[in-house]
Amino acid sequence: MSNKQHELELLEALEAEPETSQADLAAKAGVAVGTVNWYLKRWATKGYVKIKRIGRWRWRYLLTPTGMKEKTRLVGEYLEASMILYRRTRSEAKRLLGQVKDAGYHQVRLTGEGDIAEIAALTCLELGMGVLRHSQDTSVPVLQVNGTTLELIWNSDPEMEIRAQ
């Protein structure tokens, strides 16, 4: 996860629950408590957050209008990056599935989970390709999800053992 994603998650968590602990914020964003403390100090200096003590160990973190503007900017960047990844994945899936169709296949075995796998599955459906999810059928090519990339593995013929990225 990138720093910008951590920032966005922390800002969203602050907005949703202003009276929270740094430990809870850290757990929600998947970062260390020290990292949360660093962000909060930085944001307070920049005017994104107002920090108010409401008890001995309790604090209230209020997102300012400047903080809301920063959160909105980060949301826009996140959406733009997501759309770039979506378009790249669709393009790559179409290219790889074109190779599969050209080789005379009408289905692929799709391995992997998550958003990239779902995009690949939708692209298969759009192109009229059958999708085998949990099959052990080795007679069809495998469209494998590796993180944010797709890989085509030809299993059916040892001479065709190629990997395209």
C-alpha atoms as a PDB file:
ATOM      1  CA  MET A   1       0.000   0.000   0.000  1.00  0.00           C
ATOM      2  CA  SER A   2       1.354   3.434  -0.871  1.00  0.00           C
ATOM      3  CA  ASN A   3       1.845   6.344   1.513  1.00  0.00           C
ATOM      4  CA  LYS A   4      -0.959   8.216  -0.224  1.00  0.00           C
ATOM      5  CA  GLN A   5      -3.331   5.313   0.412  1.00  0.00           C
ATOM      6  CA  HIS A   6      -2.324   5.294   4.078  1.00  0.00           C
ATOM      7  CA  GLU A   7      -2.912   9.038   4.264  1.00  0.00           C
ATOM      8  CA  LEU A   8      -6.316   8.690   2.642  1.00  0.00           C
ATOM      9  CA  GLU A   9      -7.349   5.856   4.946  1.00  0.00           C
ATOM     10  CA  LEU A  10      -6.227   7.798   8.000  1.00  0.00           C
ATOM     11  CA  LEU A  11      -8.034  10.963   6.918  1.00  0.00           C
ATOM     12  CA  GLU A  12     -11.202   8.954   6.238  1.00  0.00           C
ATOM     13  CA  ALA A  13     -10.919   7.265   9.635  1.00  0.00           C
ATOM     14  CA  LEU A  14     -10.480  10.637  11.351  1.00  0.00           C
ATOM     15  CA  GLU A  15     -13.488  12.049   9.567  1.00  0.00           C
ATOM     16  CA  ALA A  16     -15.643   9.052  10.486  1.00  0.00           C
ATOM     17  CA  GLU A  17     -14.540   8.881  14.127  1.00  0.00           C
ATOM     18  CA  PRO A  18     -12.893  12.051  15.462  1.00  0.00           C
ATOM     19  CA  GLU A  19     -12.658  10.710  19.024  1.00  0.00           C
ATOM     20  CA  THR A  20     -10.397   7.769  18.460  1.00  0.00           C
ATOM     21  CA  SER A  21      -7.024   6.554  19.602  1.00  0.00           C
ATOM     22  CA  GLN A  22      -3.871   6.503  17.567  1.00  0.00           C
ATOM     23  CA  ALA A  23      -3.765   2.735  18.102  1.00  0.00           C
ATOM     24  CA  ASP A  24      -7.235   2.370  16.536  1.00  0.00           C
ATOM     25  CA  LEU A  25      -6.222   4.584  13.618  1.00  0.00           C
ATOM     26  CA  ALA A  26      -3.065   2.526  13.141  1.00  0.00           C
ATOM     27  CA  ALA A  27      -5.074  -0.701  13.079  1.00  0.00           C
ATOM     28  CA  LYS A  28      -7.556   0.698  10.548  1.00  0.00           C
ATOM     29  CA  ALA A  29      -4.824   1.894   8.184  1.00  0.00           C
ATOM     30  CA  GLY A  30      -2.442  -0.999   8.729  1.00  0.00           C
ATOM     31  CA  VAL A  31       0.444   1.175   9.878  1.00  0.00           C
ATOM     32  CA  ALA A  32       2.458   1.570  13.074  1.00  0.00           C
ATOM     33  CA  VAL A  33       1.209   3.847  15.847  1.00  0.00           C
ATOM     34  CA  GLY A  34       4.375   5.924  15.411  1.00  0.00           C
ATOM     35  CA  THR A  35       3.438   6.486  11.772  1.00  0.00           C
ATOM     36  CA  VAL A  36      -0.020   7.710  12.800  1.00  0.00           C
ATOM     37  CA  ASN A  37       1.581  10.066  15.335  1.00  0.00           C
ATOM     38  CA  TRP A  38       3.931  11.398  12.633  1.00  0.00           C
ATOM     39  CA  TYR A  39       1.035  12.037  10.215  1.00  0.00           C
ATOM     40  CA  LEU A  40      -1.071  13.739  12.885  1.00  0.00           C
ATOM     41  CA  LYS A  41       1.762  16.101  13.873  1.00  0.00           C
ATOM     42  CA  ARG A  42       2.470  16.873  10.216  1.00  0.00           C
ATOM     43  CA  TRP A  43      -1.204  17.451   9.438  1.00  0.00           C
ATOM     44  CA  ALA A  44      -1.654  19.680  12.471  1.00  0.00           C
ATOM     45  CA  THR A  45       1.293  21.796  11.272  1.00  0.00           C
ATOM     46  CA  LYS A  46      -0.206  22.012   7.776  1.00  0.00           C
ATOM     47  CA  GLY A  47      -3.632  22.902   9.169  1.00  0.00           C
ATOM     48  CA  TYR A  48      -5.386  19.716   8.017  1.00  0.00           C
ATOM     49  CA  VAL A  49      -6.304  18.577  11.528  1.00  0.00           C
ATOM     50  CA  LYS A  50      -7.073  20.287  14.823  1.00  0.00           C
ATOM     51  CA  ILE A  51      -6.131  18.225  17.846  1.00  0.00           C
ATOM     52  CA  LYS A  52      -7.900  18.723  21.150  1.00  0.00           C
ATOM     53  CA  ARG A  53      -7.338  16.870  24.411  1.00  0.00           C
ATOM     54  CA  ILE A  54     -10.634  15.653  25.889  1.00  0.00           C
ATOM     55  CA  GLY A  55      -9.272  13.484  28.692  1.00  0.00           C
ATOM     56  CA  ARG A  56      -6.044  12.239  30.142  1.00  0.00           C
ATOM     57  CA  TRP A  57      -5.446   9.778  27.279  1.00  0.00           C
ATOM     58  CA  ARG A  58      -8.225  10.831  24.934  1.00  0.00           C
ATOM     59  CA  TRP A  59      -8.020  13.179  22.004  1.00  0.00           C
ATOM     60  CA  ARG A  60     -10.342  14.566  19.378  1.00  0.00           C
ATOM     61  CA  TYR A  61      -8.994  14.969  15.859  1.00  0.00           C
ATOM     62  CA  LEU A  62     -11.069  17.351  13.767  1.00  0.00           C
ATOM     63  CA  LEU A  63     -10.548  17.508  10.033  1.00  0.00           C
ATOM     64  CA  THR A  64     -10.403  21.161   8.958  1.00  0.00           C
ATOM     65  CA  PRO A  65     -11.695  22.490   5.624  1.00  0.00           C
ATOM     66  CA  THR A  66      -8.063  22.371   4.418  1.00  0.00           C
ATOM     67  CA  GLY A  67      -7.887  18.746   5.565  1.00  0.00           C
ATOM     68  CA  MET A  68     -11.117  17.959   3.707  1.00  0.00           C
ATOM     69  CA  LYS A  69      -9.644  19.538   0.595  1.00  0.00           C
ATOM     70  CA  GLU A  70      -6.518  17.365   0.950  1.00  0.00           C
ATOM     71  CA  LYS A  71      -8.664  14.264   1.434  1.00  0.00           C
ATOM     72  CA  THR A  72     -10.643  15.125  -1.698  1.00  0.00           C
ATOM     73  CA  ARG A  73      -7.395  15.578  -3.635  1.00  0.00           C
ATOM     74  CA  LEU A  74      -6.148  12.173  -2.459  1.00  0.00           C
ATOM     75  CA  VAL A  75      -9.466  10.548  -3.437  1.00  0.00           C
ATOM     76  CA  GLY A  76      -9.095  12.019  -6.923  1.00  0.00           C
ATOM     77  CA  GLU A  77      -5.548  10.688  -7.239  1.00  0.00           C
ATOM     78  CA  TYR A  78      -6.652   7.274  -6.014  1.00  0.00           C
ATOM     79  CA  LEU A  79      -9.505   7.128  -8.531  1.00  0.00           C
ATOM     80  CA  GLU A  80      -7.217   8.219 -11.360  1.00  0.00           C
ATOM     81  CA  ALA A  81      -4.639   5.551 -10.464  1.00  0.00           C
ATOM     82  CA  SER A  82      -7.404   2.945 -10.193  1.00  0.00           C
ATOM     83  CA  MET A  83      -8.762   3.808 -13.627  1.00  0.00           C
ATOM     84  CA  ILE A  84      -5.283   3.623 -15.154  1.00  0.00           C
ATOM     85  CA  LEU A  85      -4.813   0.167 -13.619  1.00  0.00           C
ATOM     86  CA  TYR A  86      -8.285  -0.891 -14.812  1.00  0.00           C
ATOM     87  CA  ARG A  87      -7.646   0.242 -18.388  1.00  0.00           C
ATOM     88  CA  ARG A  88      -4.191  -1.356 -18.451  1.00  0.00           C
ATOM     89  CA  THR A  89      -5.574  -4.634 -17.125  1.00  0.00           C
ATOM     90  CA  ARG A  90      -8.419  -4.659 -19.655  1.00  0.00           C
ATOM     91  CA  SER A  91      -6.037  -3.950 -22.517  1.00  0.00           C
ATOM     92  CA  GLU A  92      -3.600  -6.648 -21.419  1.00  0.00           C
ATOM     93  CA  ALA A  93      -6.415  -9.165 -20.884  1.00  0.00           C
ATOM     94  CA  LYS A  94      -7.773  -8.471 -24.374  1.00  0.00           C
ATOM     95  CA  ARG A  95      -4.308  -8.897 -25.886  1.00  0.00           C
ATOM     96  CA  LEU A  96      -3.654 -12.194 -24.101  1.00  0.00           C
ATOM     97  CA  LEU A  97      -7.137 -13.531 -24.791  1.00  0.00           C
ATOM     98  CA  GLY A  98      -6.656 -12.640 -28.461  1.00  0.00           C
ATOM     99  CA  GLN A  99      -3.651 -14.975 -28.465  1.00  0.00           C
ATOM    100  CA  VAL A 100      -5.792 -17.676 -26.865  1.00  0.00           C
ATOM    101  CA  LYS A 101      -8.534 -17.257 -29.483  1.00  0.00           C
ATOM    102  CA  ASP A 102      -5.984 -17.209 -32.309  1.00  0.00           C
ATOM    103  CA  ALA A 103      -4.676 -20.547 -31.010  1.00  0.00           C
ATOM    104  CA  GLY A 104      -8.196 -21.985 -31.328  1.00  0.00           C
ATOM    105  CA  TYR A 105      -9.254 -22.039 -27.672  1.00  0.00           C
ATOM    106  CA  HIS A 106     -12.642 -20.877 -26.440  1.00  0.00           C
ATOM    107  CA  GLN A 107     -11.971 -20.958 -22.722  1.00  0.00           C
ATOM    108  CA  VAL A 108      -9.215 -20.314 -20.201  1.00  0.00           C
ATOM    109  CA  ARG A 109      -8.495 -21.357 -16.674  1.00  0.00           C
ATOM    110  CA  LEU A 110      -8.357 -18.221 -14.540  1.00  0.00           C
ATOM    111  CA  THR A 111      -6.197 -18.368 -11.437  1.00  0.00           C
ATOM    112  CA  GLY A 112      -5.816 -15.695  -8.792  1.00  0.00           C
ATOM    113  CA  GLU A 113      -8.135 -13.596  -6.726  1.00  0.00           C
ATOM    114  CA  GLY A 114      -9.059  -9.974  -6.282  1.00  0.00           C
ATOM    115  CA  ASP A 115      -9.983  -7.054  -8.476  1.00  0.00           C
ATOM    116  CA  ILE A 116      -7.519  -7.892 -11.263  1.00  0.00           C
ATOM    117  CA  ALA A 117      -8.987 -11.413 -11.538  1.00  0.00           C
ATOM    118  CA  GLU A 118     -12.492  -9.952 -11.674  1.00  0.00           C
ATOM    119  CA  ILE A 119     -11.497  -7.561 -14.454  1.00  0.00           C
ATOM    120  CA  ALA A 120      -9.960 -10.487 -16.357  1.00  0.00           C
ATOM    121  CA  ALA A 121     -13.113 -12.584 -15.866  1.00  0.00           C
ATOM    122  CA  LEU A 122     -15.332  -9.768 -17.158  1.00  0.00           C
ATOM    123  CA  THR A 123     -13.051  -9.350 -20.177  1.00  0.00           C
ATOM    124  CA  CYS A 124     -13.325 -13.089 -20.866  1.00  0.00           C
ATOM    125  CA  LEU A 125     -17.106 -12.856 -20.788  1.00  0.00           C
ATOM    126  CA  GLU A 126     -17.082  -9.803 -23.043  1.00  0.00           C
ATOM    127  CA  LEU A 127     -14.972 -11.695 -25.599  1.00  0.00           C
ATOM    128  CA  GLY A 128     -17.114 -14.833 -25.385  1.00  0.00           C
ATOM    129  CA  MET A 129     -14.400 -16.852 -23.646  1.00  0.00           C
ATOM    130  CA  GLY A 130     -15.389 -19.474 -21.120  1.00  0.00           C
ATOM    131  CA  VAL A 131     -13.805 -19.163 -17.684  1.00  0.00           C
ATOM    132  CA  LEU A 132     -12.762 -22.148 -15.612  1.00  0.00           C
ATOM    133  CA  ARG A 133     -12.059 -20.921 -12.078  1.00  0.00           C
ATOM    134  CA  HIS A 134     -11.166 -23.863  -9.872  1.00  0.00           C
ATOM    135  CA  SER A 135     -10.650 -26.482 -12.523  1.00  0.00           C
ATOM    136  CA  GLN A 136      -7.575 -28.649 -12.816  1.00  0.00           C
ATOM    137  CA  ASP A 137      -8.159 -28.976 -16.574  1.00  0.00           C
ATOM    138  CA  THR A 138      -4.699 -28.680 -18.116  1.00  0.00           C
ATOM    139  CA  SER A 139      -5.947 -28.805 -21.696  1.00  0.00           C
ATOM    140  CA  VAL A 140      -6.686 -25.060 -21.771  1.00  0.00           C
ATOM    141  CA  PRO A 141      -4.377 -22.069 -21.326  1.00  0.00           C
ATOM    142  CA  VAL A 142      -4.137 -20.456 -17.906  1.00  0.00           C
ATOM    143  CA  LEU A 143      -4.700 -16.756 -17.401  1.00  0.00           C
ATOM    144  CA  GLN A 144      -2.907 -16.182 -14.118  1.00  0.00           C
ATOM    145  CA  VAL A 145      -3.089 -13.108 -11.910  1.00  0.00           C
ATOM    146  CA  ASN A 146       0.246 -12.141 -10.342  1.00  0.00           C
ATOM    147  CA  GLY A 147      -0.328  -9.070  -8.192  1.00  0.00           C
ATOM    148  CA  THR A 148      -1.414  -6.417 -10.660  1.00  0.00           C
ATOM    149  CA  THR A 149      -0.232  -8.227 -13.781  1.00  0.00           C
ATOM    150  CA  LEU A 150      -1.660 -10.980 -15.952  1.00  0.00           C
ATOM    151  CA  GLU A 151       0.331 -13.895 -17.285  1.00  0.00           C
ATOM    152  CA  LEU A 152      -0.686 -16.372 -19.970  1.00  0.00           C
ATOM    153  CA  ILE A 153       0.552 -19.919 -19.486  1.00  0.00           C
ATOM    154  CA  TRP A 154       0.130 -22.515 -22.203  1.00  0.00           C
ATOM    155  CA  ASN A 155      -0.198 -25.922 -20.524  1.00  0.00           C
ATOM    156  CA  SER A 156      -1.744 -28.136 -23.151  1.00  0.00           C
ATOM    157  CA  ASP A 157       1.314 -28.746 -25.321  1.00  0.00           C
ATOM    158  CA  PRO A 158       4.819 -28.896 -23.806  1.00  0.00           C
ATOM    159  CA  GLU A 159       6.205 -27.398 -27.026  1.00  0.00           C
ATOM    160  CA  MET A 160       3.916 -24.383 -26.563  1.00  0.00           C
ATOM    161  CA  GLU A 161       5.102 -23.720 -22.990  1.00  0.00           C
ATOM    162  CA  ILE A 162       5.385 -19.949 -23.285  1.00  0.00           C
ATOM    163  CA  ARG A 163       4.694 -17.202 -20.850  1.00  0.00           C
ATOM    164  CA  ALA A 164       3.503 -13.858 -22.137  1.00  0.00           C
ATOM    165  CA  GLN A 165       3.424 -10.786 -19.948  1.00  0.00           C
END
